[in-house]
Amino acid sequence: MEASERYAQKEKRDAKAAKGNRTWVKIRQNYELYLFLLPAVAIYLVFKYYPMYGVQIAFKEFRASKGIWGSEWVGFEHFIRFFEAYNFWSIMENTILLSLYSLVCSFPVPIIVALMLNQMLAKRYKKFVQTVIYAPHFISTVVLVGMLGVFLSPNSGIVNHIITYFGGDPVLFMADEGWFRPLYILSGIWQETGFATIIYLAALSGVNPELHEAAVMDGANKWKRIKHVDIPSILPTIIILLVLAMGNIMSVGFEKAYLMQSDLNYAVSNIIPTYVYELGIQKAQYSFSAAIGLFNSIINVVLLVTVNRVAKKLTETSLW
């Protein structure tokens, strides 16, 4: 009995060693590809993984004079302090609502635009439209918010000029709480739709033309071809991007929210990223802000894993 067990263990070790040898053989055969990956891996190690060393200050009372290791451990004190803060629920509500509204409103737009562009026969017009909708992606967030301020100014903005021309009163768009989320979402759709459309157009270019030919032979019009050929073909791409979007649902763009924030719309524009900036940079509460940021990241990870599992069960398409 012992001899058979030793033989089985020996076979396992030999199989493991053979598998390791095959792996190294494949690496040596394709070393050029791994060299191409090396810069990306180095960037992630330096800028993504190494900074995780500092996350421990979320569980400490950080003192710059003592350093990270020398600071006193306080456990979950900062997390409890955040959960018990008077503005905890308002910050969470602002973050979740802004994220959900942005996802629901902006996610389908590139898909619709890509499907429409894919049906265009005039190549010149198609390229012109692609260029027009893709160009805003290169505009920086600072410039974008500046443009919003110029166009929506109550005194000189073109939008308010149109409103007053038709007998209305000027609207303080940038200072009104009710307009913060619509402006944030609509400006995001205008700026990012073109970039996301490229991904779906690339997926549509891989659709087998024979499927469309067969659909035409069966009498399918353009709408039916989109419904029964194009959408099912790009569905895996849609699901992957949706999973990634859900994994970042709590990571609302800090820069634009902060630039659009003012004392008048602070009640709805104060989200987790801007709150972390306010505490960590402006008030130097490093440990408290690190705890809030870590809490936010944990929620994103949980959402990513959960949505990925649900997508895998329902569609057999997932990130892993």
Protein backbone atom coordinates (compact mmCIF):
# COMPACT_ATOMS: atom_id res chain seq x y z
CA MET A 1 0.00 0.00 0.00
CA GLU A 2 2.83 2.36 0.93
CA ALA A 3 4.68 1.48 -2.25
CA SER A 4 1.64 2.34 -4.39
CA GLU A 5 1.23 5.68 -2.59
CA ARG A 6 4.90 6.51 -3.12
CA TYR A 7 4.56 5.57 -6.79
CA ALA A 8 1.49 7.82 -7.16
CA GLN A 9 3.30 10.73 -5.49
CA LYS A 10 6.30 10.17 -7.75
CA GLU A 11 4.04 10.27 -10.82
CA LYS A 12 2.52 13.55 -9.63
CA ARG A 13 5.96 15.08 -9.10
CA ASP A 14 7.13 13.91 -12.51
CA ALA A 15 3.99 15.28 -14.17
CA LYS A 16 4.44 18.61 -12.40
CA ALA A 17 8.11 18.78 -13.40
CA ALA A 18 7.26 17.91 -17.02
CA LYS A 19 4.58 20.62 -17.06
CA GLY A 20 7.09 23.15 -15.71
CA ASN A 21 9.65 22.15 -18.32
CA ARG A 22 7.07 22.55 -21.11
CA THR A 23 6.23 26.02 -19.78
CA TRP A 24 9.87 27.11 -19.87
CA VAL A 25 10.27 25.63 -23.36
CA LYS A 26 7.29 27.69 -24.58
CA ILE A 27 8.72 30.82 -22.94
CA ARG A 28 12.09 30.30 -24.64
CA GLN A 29 10.40 29.70 -27.99
CA ASN A 30 8.30 32.88 -27.73
CA TYR A 31 10.68 35.07 -25.74
CA GLU A 32 10.08 38.05 -28.09
CA LEU A 33 6.43 38.21 -27.02
CA TYR A 34 7.39 38.16 -23.35
CA LEU A 35 9.89 40.96 -23.96
CA PHE A 36 7.03 43.03 -25.41
CA LEU A 37 5.02 42.34 -22.25
CA LEU A 38 7.90 43.29 -19.95
CA PRO A 39 7.36 47.11 -20.03
CA ALA A 40 3.65 46.75 -19.27
CA VAL A 41 4.37 44.34 -16.40
CA ALA A 42 7.05 46.71 -15.03
CA ILE A 43 4.65 49.68 -15.18
CA TYR A 44 1.98 47.75 -13.29
CA LEU A 45 4.45 46.57 -10.67
CA VAL A 46 5.84 50.05 -10.07
CA PHE A 47 2.68 52.16 -10.31
CA LYS A 48 -0.09 49.71 -9.31
CA TYR A 49 1.29 47.06 -6.96
CA TYR A 50 4.16 48.81 -5.18
CA PRO A 51 1.90 51.66 -3.92
CA MET A 52 -0.22 49.01 -2.15
CA TYR A 53 2.52 49.04 0.47
CA GLY A 54 1.11 52.36 1.68
CA VAL A 55 -2.44 51.04 2.10
CA GLN A 56 -1.53 49.96 5.63
CA ILE A 57 -1.84 53.57 6.81
CA ALA A 58 -5.61 53.04 6.61
CA PHE A 59 -5.17 50.89 9.74
CA LYS A 60 -2.72 53.26 11.44
CA GLU A 61 -2.65 56.76 12.88
CA PHE A 62 -0.11 57.95 10.34
CA ARG A 63 2.51 60.44 11.45
CA ALA A 64 4.94 61.68 8.81
CA SER A 65 7.71 62.04 11.41
CA LYS A 66 7.39 58.36 12.39
CA GLY A 67 6.90 57.00 8.87
CA ILE A 68 4.56 54.24 7.78
CA TRP A 69 6.14 51.45 9.84
CA GLY A 70 6.61 53.59 12.94
CA SER A 71 3.04 54.90 13.10
CA GLU A 72 0.66 53.42 15.66
CA TRP A 73 -1.83 50.70 14.67
CA VAL A 74 -5.47 51.64 15.28
CA GLY A 75 -7.20 48.77 13.48
CA PHE A 76 -10.59 49.62 11.95
CA GLU A 77 -10.98 52.90 13.81
CA HIS A 78 -10.94 55.05 10.65
CA PHE A 79 -13.46 52.81 8.89
CA ILE A 80 -15.84 52.99 11.86
CA ARG A 81 -15.39 56.75 11.96
CA PHE A 82 -16.41 56.99 8.30
CA PHE A 83 -19.42 54.71 8.75
CA GLU A 84 -20.61 56.79 11.70
CA ALA A 85 -20.00 60.16 10.00
CA TYR A 86 -23.03 62.42 9.60
CA ASN A 87 -22.49 62.67 5.83
CA PHE A 88 -21.77 58.97 5.16
CA TRP A 89 -25.13 58.16 3.57
CA SER A 90 -25.28 61.35 1.52
CA ILE A 91 -21.80 60.69 0.08
CA MET A 92 -22.70 57.07 -0.70
CA GLU A 93 -25.99 58.13 -2.29
CA ASN A 94 -24.30 60.78 -4.43
CA THR A 95 -21.61 58.33 -5.59
CA ILE A 96 -23.96 55.44 -6.35
CA LEU A 97 -26.60 57.54 -8.11
CA LEU A 98 -24.07 59.38 -10.25
CA SER A 99 -22.40 56.09 -11.19
CA LEU A 100 -25.63 54.25 -11.96
CA TYR A 101 -27.10 57.12 -13.98
CA SER A 102 -23.85 57.42 -15.94
CA LEU A 103 -23.79 53.67 -16.64
CA VAL A 104 -27.44 53.39 -17.63
CA CYS A 105 -27.39 56.48 -19.86
CA SER A 106 -23.94 56.23 -21.43
CA PHE A 107 -23.34 52.49 -21.84
CA PRO A 108 -25.94 51.80 -24.59
CA VAL A 109 -25.07 54.90 -26.67
CA PRO A 110 -21.80 53.60 -28.25
CA ILE A 111 -23.52 50.32 -29.12
CA ILE A 112 -26.34 52.12 -30.91
CA VAL A 113 -23.93 54.46 -32.70
CA ALA A 114 -21.70 51.56 -33.79
CA LEU A 115 -24.68 49.62 -35.16
CA MET A 116 -25.84 52.68 -37.08
CA LEU A 117 -22.39 53.41 -38.50
CA ASN A 118 -21.99 49.77 -39.49
CA GLN A 119 -25.08 50.04 -41.69
CA MET A 120 -23.83 53.13 -43.53
CA LEU A 121 -22.90 52.57 -47.16
CA ALA A 122 -21.38 56.00 -47.86
CA LYS A 123 -17.77 55.52 -46.70
CA ARG A 124 -16.82 59.21 -46.78
CA TYR A 125 -19.80 60.23 -44.66
CA LYS A 126 -19.13 57.33 -42.31
CA LYS A 127 -15.50 58.40 -41.79
CA PHE A 128 -16.59 62.01 -41.27
CA VAL A 129 -19.10 61.00 -38.58
CA GLN A 130 -16.50 58.79 -36.90
CA THR A 131 -14.01 61.65 -36.80
CA VAL A 132 -16.56 64.10 -35.40
CA ILE A 133 -17.72 61.85 -32.57
CA TYR A 134 -14.19 60.63 -31.76
CA ALA A 135 -12.57 64.10 -31.60
CA PRO A 136 -14.04 65.08 -28.17
CA HIS A 137 -12.11 62.18 -26.58
CA PHE A 138 -8.90 64.22 -27.01
CA ILE A 139 -10.29 67.21 -25.12
CA SER A 140 -8.97 67.34 -21.56
CA THR A 141 -11.43 67.34 -18.68
CA VAL A 142 -10.29 70.81 -17.61
CA VAL A 143 -11.05 72.21 -21.07
CA LEU A 144 -14.37 70.36 -21.16
CA VAL A 145 -15.55 71.87 -17.87
CA GLY A 146 -14.33 75.27 -19.06
CA MET A 147 -16.42 74.88 -22.21
CA LEU A 148 -19.45 74.02 -20.09
CA GLY A 149 -18.88 77.19 -18.07
CA VAL A 150 -18.67 79.31 -21.22
CA PHE A 151 -21.67 77.80 -23.03
CA LEU A 152 -23.88 77.74 -19.91
CA SER A 153 -22.93 81.12 -18.46
CA PRO A 154 -26.05 83.01 -17.30
CA ASN A 155 -24.72 86.25 -18.79
CA SER A 156 -22.86 85.36 -21.99
CA GLY A 157 -23.59 81.68 -22.58
CA ILE A 158 -25.22 80.72 -25.87
CA VAL A 159 -27.66 78.37 -24.14
CA ASN A 160 -29.04 81.09 -21.89
CA HIS A 161 -29.16 83.49 -24.84
CA ILE A 162 -31.46 81.01 -26.59
CA ILE A 163 -33.58 80.65 -23.43
CA THR A 164 -33.97 84.39 -22.99
CA TYR A 165 -34.68 84.83 -26.73
CA PHE A 166 -37.76 82.66 -26.32
CA GLY A 167 -38.88 84.57 -23.24
CA GLY A 168 -37.37 82.45 -20.48
CA ASP A 169 -35.17 83.44 -17.55
CA PRO A 170 -31.43 82.66 -17.42
CA VAL A 171 -30.58 79.40 -15.64
CA LEU A 172 -27.57 78.95 -13.35
CA PHE A 173 -26.74 75.53 -14.77
CA MET A 174 -23.31 75.14 -13.15
CA ALA A 175 -24.55 76.20 -9.71
CA ASP A 176 -27.92 74.43 -9.63
CA GLU A 177 -28.02 71.10 -7.73
CA GLY A 178 -30.61 69.72 -10.12
CA TRP A 179 -28.40 70.25 -13.15
CA PHE A 180 -25.16 68.75 -11.81
CA ARG A 181 -25.90 65.11 -12.66
CA PRO A 182 -27.48 65.75 -16.10
CA LEU A 183 -24.53 67.95 -17.11
CA TYR A 184 -22.01 65.42 -15.80
CA ILE A 185 -23.66 62.54 -17.66
CA LEU A 186 -24.39 64.35 -20.94
CA SER A 187 -20.88 65.80 -21.15
CA GLY A 188 -19.47 62.32 -20.49
CA ILE A 189 -21.58 60.83 -23.29
CA TRP A 190 -20.43 63.56 -25.69
CA GLN A 191 -16.77 63.08 -24.78
CA GLU A 192 -16.46 59.26 -24.56
CA THR A 193 -19.01 57.86 -27.02
CA GLY A 194 -16.62 58.01 -29.97
CA PHE A 195 -13.84 56.08 -28.22
CA ALA A 196 -16.18 53.31 -27.04
CA THR A 197 -17.76 53.13 -30.50
CA ILE A 198 -14.40 52.07 -31.98
CA ILE A 199 -14.40 48.94 -29.83
CA TYR A 200 -17.84 47.89 -31.03
CA LEU A 201 -17.04 48.72 -34.65
CA ALA A 202 -13.98 46.49 -34.38
CA ALA A 203 -16.20 43.69 -33.04
CA LEU A 204 -18.72 44.24 -35.84
CA SER A 205 -15.96 44.04 -38.45
CA GLY A 206 -15.39 40.46 -37.34
CA VAL A 207 -18.96 39.38 -38.12
CA ASN A 208 -19.03 36.79 -40.89
CA PRO A 209 -20.48 38.44 -44.07
CA GLU A 210 -22.05 35.12 -45.01
CA LEU A 211 -24.44 35.50 -42.08
CA HIS A 212 -25.74 38.77 -43.54
CA GLU A 213 -25.97 37.23 -47.01
CA ALA A 214 -27.98 34.33 -45.65
CA ALA A 215 -30.25 36.74 -43.77
CA VAL A 216 -30.83 38.79 -46.93
CA MET A 217 -31.67 35.63 -48.84
CA ASP A 218 -34.25 34.82 -46.17
CA GLY A 219 -35.84 38.25 -46.64
CA ALA A 220 -34.50 39.94 -43.50
CA ASN A 221 -34.44 43.74 -43.54
CA LYS A 222 -31.73 45.85 -41.88
CA TRP A 223 -33.46 45.92 -38.51
CA LYS A 224 -33.79 42.13 -38.41
CA ARG A 225 -30.16 41.71 -39.48
CA ILE A 226 -29.07 44.00 -36.66
CA LYS A 227 -31.27 42.15 -34.18
CA HIS A 228 -30.44 38.58 -35.20
CA VAL A 229 -26.89 38.88 -36.63
CA ASP A 230 -25.01 41.95 -35.40
CA ILE A 231 -26.14 42.09 -31.76
CA PRO A 232 -25.61 38.36 -31.03
CA SER A 233 -22.19 38.57 -32.67
CA ILE A 234 -20.97 41.44 -30.47
CA LEU A 235 -22.78 40.27 -27.33
CA PRO A 236 -19.58 38.80 -25.74
CA THR A 237 -17.84 42.18 -26.20
CA ILE A 238 -20.83 43.99 -24.68
CA ILE A 239 -20.84 41.66 -21.66
CA ILE A 240 -17.09 42.03 -21.04
CA LEU A 241 -17.29 45.82 -21.18
CA LEU A 242 -20.37 45.79 -18.94
CA VAL A 243 -18.55 43.67 -16.35
CA LEU A 244 -15.59 46.07 -16.42
CA ALA A 245 -17.94 49.05 -16.10
CA MET A 246 -19.69 47.49 -13.11
CA GLY A 247 -16.31 46.85 -11.51
CA ASN A 248 -15.58 50.58 -11.70
CA ILE A 249 -19.03 51.78 -10.74
CA MET A 250 -17.80 53.38 -7.50
CA SER A 251 -14.81 55.00 -9.20
CA VAL A 252 -16.61 58.03 -10.57
CA GLY A 253 -14.31 60.39 -12.42
CA PHE A 254 -12.81 62.60 -9.73
CA GLU A 255 -11.43 65.33 -11.97
CA LYS A 256 -14.64 66.39 -13.66
CA ALA A 257 -16.74 66.11 -10.49
CA TYR A 258 -14.21 68.23 -8.59
CA LEU A 259 -14.00 70.86 -11.32
CA MET A 260 -17.79 71.09 -11.57
CA GLN A 261 -18.18 71.23 -7.80
CA SER A 262 -19.12 74.48 -6.09
CA ASP A 263 -20.58 75.58 -2.77
CA LEU A 264 -24.03 75.76 -4.33
CA ASN A 265 -24.09 72.20 -5.71
CA TYR A 266 -21.90 70.62 -3.00
CA ALA A 267 -24.83 68.62 -1.59
CA VAL A 268 -25.04 66.46 -4.74
CA SER A 269 -21.50 66.77 -6.10
CA ASN A 270 -19.72 65.56 -2.94
CA ILE A 271 -18.79 61.98 -3.87
CA ILE A 272 -16.23 59.56 -2.44
CA PRO A 273 -13.30 60.59 -4.71
CA THR A 274 -13.78 64.32 -4.03
CA TYR A 275 -14.28 63.63 -0.31
CA VAL A 276 -11.03 61.64 -0.19
CA TYR A 277 -9.22 64.51 -1.92
CA GLU A 278 -10.71 67.02 0.50
CA LEU A 279 -9.64 65.04 3.55
CA GLY A 280 -6.31 63.73 2.32
CA ILE A 281 -4.87 66.69 0.42
CA GLN A 282 -6.64 69.73 1.82
CA LYS A 283 -6.97 68.63 5.45
CA ALA A 284 -3.99 66.24 5.65
CA GLN A 285 -6.04 63.41 7.23
CA TYR A 286 -4.03 60.78 5.41
CA SER A 287 -5.08 57.69 7.36
CA PHE A 288 -8.77 58.57 7.30
CA SER A 289 -8.78 59.32 3.57
CA ALA A 290 -6.80 56.12 2.87
CA ALA A 291 -9.41 54.10 4.76
CA ILE A 292 -12.23 55.65 2.71
CA GLY A 293 -10.36 54.99 -0.54
CA LEU A 294 -9.70 51.37 0.48
CA PHE A 295 -13.36 50.88 1.36
CA ASN A 296 -14.31 52.21 -2.07
CA SER A 297 -11.86 49.85 -3.80
CA ILE A 298 -13.16 46.83 -1.87
CA ILE A 299 -16.71 47.59 -3.04
CA ASN A 300 -15.46 47.73 -6.64
CA VAL A 301 -13.70 44.36 -6.29
CA VAL A 302 -16.79 42.73 -4.79
CA LEU A 303 -18.98 44.12 -7.57
CA LEU A 304 -16.52 42.99 -10.24
CA VAL A 305 -16.34 39.41 -8.94
CA THR A 306 -20.11 39.19 -8.41
CA VAL A 307 -21.09 40.56 -11.82
CA ASN A 308 -18.44 38.40 -13.50
CA ARG A 309 -19.87 35.24 -11.90
CA VAL A 310 -23.43 36.19 -12.83
CA ALA A 311 -22.35 36.88 -16.43
CA LYS A 312 -20.54 33.54 -16.59
CA LYS A 313 -23.60 31.66 -15.39
CA LEU A 314 -26.07 33.44 -17.65
CA THR A 315 -24.04 33.84 -20.85
CA GLU A 316 -20.87 31.72 -20.40
CA THR A 317 -18.88 34.87 -21.14
CA SER A 318 -16.68 36.34 -18.42
CA LEU A 319 -13.30 37.84 -17.64
CA TRP A 320 -12.04 34.59 -16.14
